[in-house]
Amino acid sequence: MGSETPKDIDRAAIEEHAQRIAEQTALRKVRNTLDSIGASEAAERRNLRRVLIACALLAVLGAWLVWGLVYGDRGLPKQPPMKVPGTLQPKH
């Protein structure tokens, strides 16, 4: 161990430093990838929330319109009540 030359020590230090730099670069890439995945998931959640709110509003509006057509006065024109005779007339 004491027989290591300074060139071997320098080479070992350089290799160790290069390994550390490579690991830090890889960790940075992983963090950036995770950040971009998190950002895209957050955007998907926002879009899903907007779509669900729009669907709920359209469902409420549709139900209100159907309710108004069925039970409102402005729906389909109503026929006047039919008069039923009190007695039947004999056939000739």
N, C-alpha and C. Protein backbone atom coordinates (compact mmCIF):
# COMPACT_ATOMS: atom_id res chain seq x y z
N MET A 1 0.82 -1.18 0.00
CA MET A 1 0.00 0.00 0.00
C MET A 1 0.87 1.25 0.00
N GLY A 2 1.91 1.20 0.73
CA GLY A 2 2.81 2.34 0.73
C GLY A 2 3.62 2.41 -0.54
N SER A 3 3.56 1.37 -1.35
CA SER A 3 4.35 1.35 -2.57
C SER A 3 3.63 2.01 -3.74
N GLU A 4 2.41 2.56 -3.51
CA GLU A 4 1.69 3.24 -4.58
C GLU A 4 2.43 4.50 -4.98
N THR A 5 2.55 4.70 -6.25
CA THR A 5 3.23 5.89 -6.74
C THR A 5 2.25 7.03 -6.82
N PRO A 6 2.75 8.24 -6.85
CA PRO A 6 1.85 9.40 -6.94
C PRO A 6 0.99 9.36 -8.19
N LYS A 7 1.46 8.78 -9.30
CA LYS A 7 0.65 8.71 -10.51
C LYS A 7 -0.56 7.83 -10.28
N ASP A 8 -0.38 6.71 -9.55
CA ASP A 8 -1.50 5.82 -9.25
C ASP A 8 -2.51 6.52 -8.34
N ILE A 9 -2.01 7.29 -7.38
CA ILE A 9 -2.89 8.02 -6.47
C ILE A 9 -3.68 9.07 -7.25
N ASP A 10 -3.00 9.81 -8.14
CA ASP A 10 -3.68 10.82 -8.95
C ASP A 10 -4.71 10.18 -9.86
N ARG A 11 -4.35 9.04 -10.47
CA ARG A 11 -5.28 8.35 -11.36
C ARG A 11 -6.51 7.88 -10.58
N ALA A 12 -6.29 7.34 -9.39
CA ALA A 12 -7.42 6.88 -8.56
C ALA A 12 -8.31 8.06 -8.18
N ALA A 13 -7.72 9.20 -7.84
CA ALA A 13 -8.50 10.39 -7.47
C ALA A 13 -9.29 10.90 -8.67
N ILE A 14 -8.65 10.88 -9.85
CA ILE A 14 -9.33 11.34 -11.06
C ILE A 14 -10.50 10.41 -11.39
N GLU A 15 -10.28 9.10 -11.30
CA GLU A 15 -11.36 8.14 -11.58
C GLU A 15 -12.50 8.27 -10.59
N GLU A 16 -12.14 8.49 -9.33
CA GLU A 16 -13.17 8.67 -8.30
C GLU A 16 -13.98 9.93 -8.57
N HIS A 17 -13.27 11.01 -8.95
CA HIS A 17 -13.95 12.26 -9.26
C HIS A 17 -14.85 12.09 -10.49
N ALA A 18 -14.37 11.40 -11.51
CA ALA A 18 -15.17 11.16 -12.71
C ALA A 18 -16.40 10.33 -12.38
N GLN A 19 -16.24 9.34 -11.51
CA GLN A 19 -17.38 8.51 -11.09
C GLN A 19 -18.41 9.36 -10.36
N ARG A 20 -17.94 10.23 -9.48
CA ARG A 20 -18.83 11.11 -8.72
C ARG A 20 -19.59 12.06 -9.67
N ILE A 21 -18.89 12.61 -10.64
CA ILE A 21 -19.53 13.51 -11.62
C ILE A 21 -20.59 12.75 -12.41
N ALA A 22 -20.28 11.51 -12.83
CA ALA A 22 -21.23 10.71 -13.60
C ALA A 22 -22.47 10.40 -12.76
N GLU A 23 -22.28 10.08 -11.49
CA GLU A 23 -23.42 9.80 -10.60
C GLU A 23 -24.28 11.04 -10.41
N GLN A 24 -23.64 12.19 -10.21
CA GLN A 24 -24.39 13.43 -10.02
C GLN A 24 -25.19 13.78 -11.28
N THR A 25 -24.57 13.57 -12.45
CA THR A 25 -25.28 13.83 -13.70
C THR A 25 -26.47 12.91 -13.86
N ALA A 26 -26.28 11.64 -13.53
CA ALA A 26 -27.39 10.69 -13.62
C ALA A 26 -28.51 11.05 -12.66
N LEU A 27 -28.15 11.45 -11.44
CA LEU A 27 -29.18 11.86 -10.47
C LEU A 27 -29.93 13.10 -10.95
N ARG A 28 -29.22 14.05 -11.55
CA ARG A 28 -29.87 15.24 -12.08
C ARG A 28 -30.87 14.88 -13.17
N LYS A 29 -30.46 13.96 -14.04
CA LYS A 29 -31.35 13.53 -15.12
C LYS A 29 -32.59 12.85 -14.56
N VAL A 30 -32.41 12.01 -13.55
CA VAL A 30 -33.55 11.33 -12.93
C VAL A 30 -34.48 12.34 -12.28
N ARG A 31 -33.92 13.31 -11.57
CA ARG A 31 -34.74 14.34 -10.93
C ARG A 31 -35.52 15.15 -11.97
N ASN A 32 -34.86 15.52 -13.06
CA ASN A 32 -35.55 16.27 -14.11
C ASN A 32 -36.67 15.45 -14.73
N THR A 33 -36.40 14.17 -14.94
CA THR A 33 -37.43 13.30 -15.49
C THR A 33 -38.62 13.18 -14.54
N LEU A 34 -38.34 13.00 -13.26
CA LEU A 34 -39.41 12.91 -12.27
C LEU A 34 -40.19 14.22 -12.18
N ASP A 35 -39.48 15.34 -12.27
CA ASP A 35 -40.17 16.64 -12.25
C ASP A 35 -41.09 16.78 -13.46
N SER A 36 -40.61 16.37 -14.64
CA SER A 36 -41.46 16.50 -15.82
C SER A 36 -42.65 15.54 -15.76
N ILE A 37 -42.45 14.35 -15.20
CA ILE A 37 -43.57 13.42 -15.03
C ILE A 37 -44.59 14.00 -14.06
N GLY A 38 -44.10 14.56 -12.96
CA GLY A 38 -45.00 15.18 -11.99
C GLY A 38 -45.78 16.34 -12.59
N ALA A 39 -45.11 17.15 -13.40
CA ALA A 39 -45.78 18.29 -14.03
C ALA A 39 -46.85 17.80 -15.03
N SER A 40 -46.53 16.76 -15.78
CA SER A 40 -47.53 16.27 -16.74
C SER A 40 -48.72 15.62 -16.02
N GLU A 41 -48.46 14.94 -14.91
CA GLU A 41 -49.58 14.36 -14.15
C GLU A 41 -50.45 15.45 -13.55
N ALA A 42 -49.83 16.53 -13.08
CA ALA A 42 -50.62 17.64 -12.53
C ALA A 42 -51.46 18.28 -13.63
N ALA A 43 -50.90 18.43 -14.83
CA ALA A 43 -51.66 18.99 -15.94
C ALA A 43 -52.82 18.07 -16.32
N GLU A 44 -52.59 16.76 -16.30
CA GLU A 44 -53.66 15.81 -16.59
C GLU A 44 -54.78 15.90 -15.56
N ARG A 45 -54.42 16.05 -14.30
CA ARG A 45 -55.44 16.18 -13.24
C ARG A 45 -56.27 17.45 -13.44
N ARG A 46 -55.59 18.56 -13.80
CA ARG A 46 -56.31 19.81 -14.04
C ARG A 46 -57.27 19.66 -15.22
N ASN A 47 -56.79 19.04 -16.29
CA ASN A 47 -57.64 18.85 -17.46
C ASN A 47 -58.82 17.94 -17.14
N LEU A 48 -58.57 16.86 -16.40
CA LEU A 48 -59.65 15.95 -16.03
C LEU A 48 -60.69 16.67 -15.17
N ARG A 49 -60.23 17.49 -14.25
CA ARG A 49 -61.15 18.25 -13.39
C ARG A 49 -62.01 19.18 -14.25
N ARG A 50 -61.40 19.86 -15.22
CA ARG A 50 -62.16 20.76 -16.08
C ARG A 50 -63.19 20.00 -16.92
N VAL A 51 -62.78 18.85 -17.44
CA VAL A 51 -63.71 18.06 -18.25
C VAL A 51 -64.87 17.57 -17.40
N LEU A 52 -64.59 17.11 -16.19
CA LEU A 52 -65.66 16.63 -15.31
C LEU A 52 -66.61 17.75 -14.92
N ILE A 53 -66.08 18.93 -14.67
CA ILE A 53 -66.93 20.07 -14.34
C ILE A 53 -67.80 20.44 -15.53
N ALA A 54 -67.21 20.43 -16.74
CA ALA A 54 -67.99 20.74 -17.94
C ALA A 54 -69.09 19.70 -18.16
N CYS A 55 -68.77 18.42 -17.96
CA CYS A 55 -69.79 17.37 -18.11
C CYS A 55 -70.90 17.54 -17.09
N ALA A 56 -70.55 17.85 -15.85
CA ALA A 56 -71.56 18.04 -14.82
C ALA A 56 -72.46 19.23 -15.17
N LEU A 57 -71.87 20.33 -15.65
CA LEU A 57 -72.68 21.49 -16.03
C LEU A 57 -73.60 21.17 -17.20
N LEU A 58 -73.08 20.44 -18.18
CA LEU A 58 -73.92 20.06 -19.32
C LEU A 58 -75.05 19.12 -18.90
N ALA A 59 -74.77 18.21 -17.96
CA ALA A 59 -75.80 17.30 -17.47
C ALA A 59 -76.90 18.08 -16.74
N VAL A 60 -76.50 19.03 -15.91
CA VAL A 60 -77.48 19.85 -15.18
C VAL A 60 -78.30 20.68 -16.16
N LEU A 61 -77.63 21.28 -17.15
CA LEU A 61 -78.34 22.08 -18.14
C LEU A 61 -79.30 21.21 -18.95
N GLY A 62 -78.87 20.02 -19.35
CA GLY A 62 -79.75 19.11 -20.09
C GLY A 62 -80.94 18.68 -19.26
N ALA A 63 -80.71 18.36 -18.00
CA ALA A 63 -81.81 17.96 -17.13
C ALA A 63 -82.79 19.11 -16.94
N TRP A 64 -82.28 20.33 -16.81
CA TRP A 64 -83.14 21.50 -16.65
C TRP A 64 -83.99 21.72 -17.90
N LEU A 65 -83.37 21.56 -19.08
CA LEU A 65 -84.12 21.74 -20.32
C LEU A 65 -85.20 20.67 -20.48
N VAL A 66 -84.86 19.42 -20.20
CA VAL A 66 -85.85 18.34 -20.31
C VAL A 66 -86.97 18.57 -19.31
N TRP A 67 -86.64 18.94 -18.11
CA TRP A 67 -87.65 19.22 -17.09
C TRP A 67 -88.58 20.33 -17.56
N GLY A 68 -88.00 21.37 -18.15
CA GLY A 68 -88.82 22.48 -18.64
C GLY A 68 -89.72 22.05 -19.79
N LEU A 69 -89.23 21.19 -20.67
CA LEU A 69 -90.07 20.73 -21.78
C LEU A 69 -91.19 19.83 -21.31
N VAL A 70 -90.90 18.97 -20.36
CA VAL A 70 -91.91 18.01 -19.90
C VAL A 70 -92.93 18.68 -18.99
N TYR A 71 -92.46 19.45 -18.04
CA TYR A 71 -93.37 19.99 -17.02
C TYR A 71 -93.65 21.48 -17.17
N GLY A 72 -93.02 22.14 -18.09
CA GLY A 72 -93.23 23.57 -18.24
C GLY A 72 -94.38 23.90 -19.16
N ASP A 73 -94.80 25.14 -19.17
CA ASP A 73 -95.90 25.60 -20.01
C ASP A 73 -95.41 25.87 -21.43
N ARG A 74 -94.14 26.03 -21.62
CA ARG A 74 -93.61 26.37 -22.93
C ARG A 74 -93.21 25.13 -23.72
N GLY A 75 -93.64 24.00 -23.35
CA GLY A 75 -93.27 22.75 -24.02
C GLY A 75 -94.02 22.57 -25.33
N LEU A 76 -94.32 21.36 -25.67
CA LEU A 76 -95.08 21.07 -26.88
C LEU A 76 -96.49 21.62 -26.74
N PRO A 77 -97.09 22.03 -27.86
CA PRO A 77 -98.45 22.58 -27.75
C PRO A 77 -99.42 21.50 -27.27
N LYS A 78 -100.27 21.91 -26.37
CA LYS A 78 -101.22 20.97 -25.78
C LYS A 78 -102.54 21.06 -26.53
N GLN A 79 -103.15 19.91 -26.72
CA GLN A 79 -104.45 19.85 -27.38
C GLN A 79 -105.53 20.29 -26.39
N PRO A 80 -106.58 20.92 -26.91
CA PRO A 80 -107.67 21.29 -25.98
C PRO A 80 -108.32 20.01 -25.46
N PRO A 81 -108.88 20.07 -24.29
CA PRO A 81 -109.49 18.87 -23.72
C PRO A 81 -110.62 18.35 -24.61
N MET A 82 -110.72 17.06 -24.68
CA MET A 82 -111.72 16.43 -25.53
C MET A 82 -113.06 16.38 -24.78
N LYS A 83 -114.15 16.72 -25.51
CA LYS A 83 -115.47 16.71 -24.89
C LYS A 83 -116.06 15.32 -25.08
N VAL A 84 -116.47 14.73 -24.00
CA VAL A 84 -117.10 13.41 -24.03
C VAL A 84 -118.60 13.61 -23.84
N PRO A 85 -119.41 13.09 -24.78
CA PRO A 85 -120.86 13.28 -24.62
C PRO A 85 -121.37 12.48 -23.41
N GLY A 86 -122.38 13.02 -22.82
CA GLY A 86 -122.96 12.38 -21.64
C GLY A 86 -123.69 11.09 -21.97
N THR A 87 -124.33 11.02 -23.12
CA THR A 87 -125.06 9.82 -23.50
C THR A 87 -124.64 9.40 -24.91
N LEU A 88 -124.75 8.15 -25.20
CA LEU A 88 -124.42 7.65 -26.53
C LEU A 88 -125.65 7.76 -27.42
N GLN A 89 -125.44 8.13 -28.64
CA GLN A 89 -126.55 8.21 -29.59
C GLN A 89 -126.70 6.87 -30.26
N PRO A 90 -127.91 6.40 -30.41
CA PRO A 90 -128.13 5.08 -31.05
C PRO A 90 -127.74 5.13 -32.52
N LYS A 91 -127.28 3.98 -33.01
CA LYS A 91 -126.88 3.88 -34.42
C LYS A 91 -128.11 3.56 -35.26
N HIS A 92 -128.21 4.08 -36.42
CA HIS A 92 -129.37 3.82 -37.30
C HIS A 92 -128.96 3.00 -38.45
